Amino acid sequence: MINNIKAICERQGISGYKFWKMTGMPQSTAYRLYSDPEAYPSKENLIAICRTLKVSPADVFSQEYSEQQLAS
């Protein structure tokens, strides 16, 4: 499963920097979630993401798998 945070942000015209500022998360957390589709947010961060981007938790994740996940 991967996160769609970057794709959602790009559709809404939100940069990684703006995502960080809007969510109020620590900078390293926000940038990791934005740039790494295999990173999973904590429950608290998922709530912040959904509220900020006006999406549901189901929108944040998709059931695509990376080669690394398939090899495990």
Protein backbone atom coordinates (compact mmCIF):
# COMPACT_ATOMS: atom_id res chain seq x y z
CA MET A 1 0.00 0.00 0.00
CA ILE A 2 1.28 3.50 -0.77
CA ASN A 3 0.34 6.99 0.33
CA ASN A 4 -0.98 9.45 -2.24
CA ILE A 5 -0.06 12.60 -0.34
CA LYS A 6 2.21 14.10 -2.99
CA ALA A 7 -0.29 13.40 -5.79
CA ILE A 8 -3.14 14.95 -3.79
CA CYS A 9 -1.00 17.99 -3.00
CA GLU A 10 0.05 18.40 -6.62
CA ARG A 11 -3.59 18.31 -7.76
CA GLN A 12 -4.35 21.04 -5.23
CA GLY A 13 -1.27 23.11 -6.11
CA ILE A 14 0.37 22.50 -2.73
CA SER A 15 4.16 22.22 -2.51
CA GLY A 16 6.01 20.15 0.08
CA TYR A 17 6.82 23.34 1.95
CA LYS A 18 3.20 24.48 1.98
CA PHE A 19 2.04 20.98 3.04
CA TRP A 20 4.40 21.17 6.01
CA LYS A 21 3.21 24.63 7.02
CA MET A 22 -0.48 23.79 6.57
CA THR A 23 -0.40 20.56 8.58
CA GLY A 24 1.70 21.84 11.47
CA MET A 25 3.68 18.58 11.57
CA PRO A 26 7.39 18.53 12.30
CA GLN A 27 9.26 19.44 9.12
CA SER A 28 11.02 16.09 8.79
CA THR A 29 7.73 14.19 9.18
CA ALA A 30 5.88 16.31 6.65
CA TYR A 31 8.63 16.07 4.03
CA ARG A 32 9.03 12.31 4.56
CA LEU A 33 5.30 11.72 4.11
CA TYR A 34 5.21 14.04 1.10
CA SER A 35 8.19 12.55 -0.69
CA ASP A 36 8.08 8.86 0.28
CA PRO A 37 4.97 7.00 -0.89
CA GLU A 38 5.93 4.06 1.35
CA ALA A 39 5.84 6.22 4.51
CA TYR A 40 2.76 5.81 6.68
CA PRO A 41 1.42 8.61 8.87
CA SER A 42 0.49 8.14 12.50
CA LYS A 43 -3.18 8.38 13.41
CA GLU A 44 -2.74 11.98 14.56
CA ASN A 45 -0.90 12.97 11.39
CA LEU A 46 -3.47 11.22 9.20
CA ILE A 47 -6.20 13.28 10.84
CA ALA A 48 -4.18 16.46 10.23
CA ILE A 49 -3.60 15.48 6.59
CA CYS A 50 -7.26 14.73 5.96
CA ARG A 51 -8.41 17.98 7.55
CA THR A 52 -5.79 20.05 5.75
CA LEU A 53 -6.29 18.52 2.30
CA LYS A 54 -10.04 17.97 2.77
CA VAL A 55 -9.81 14.28 1.88
CA SER A 56 -10.78 11.01 3.55
CA PRO A 57 -8.29 8.46 4.87
CA ALA A 58 -9.26 6.23 1.94
CA ASP A 59 -8.09 8.96 -0.44
CA VAL A 60 -4.68 9.09 1.24
CA PHE A 61 -3.84 5.44 0.51
CA SER A 62 -4.02 3.24 -2.55
CA GLN A 63 -3.37 -0.45 -2.91
CA GLU A 64 -0.44 -0.16 -5.25
CA TYR A 65 2.68 -1.99 -4.21
CA SER A 66 6.30 -1.20 -4.87
CA GLU A 67 8.75 -3.82 -6.11
CA GLN A 68 10.31 -3.86 -2.64
CA GLN A 69 6.96 -4.59 -0.97
CA LEU A 70 6.19 -7.37 -3.43
CA ALA A 71 9.56 -8.99 -2.81
CA SER A 72 8.98 -9.17 0.96
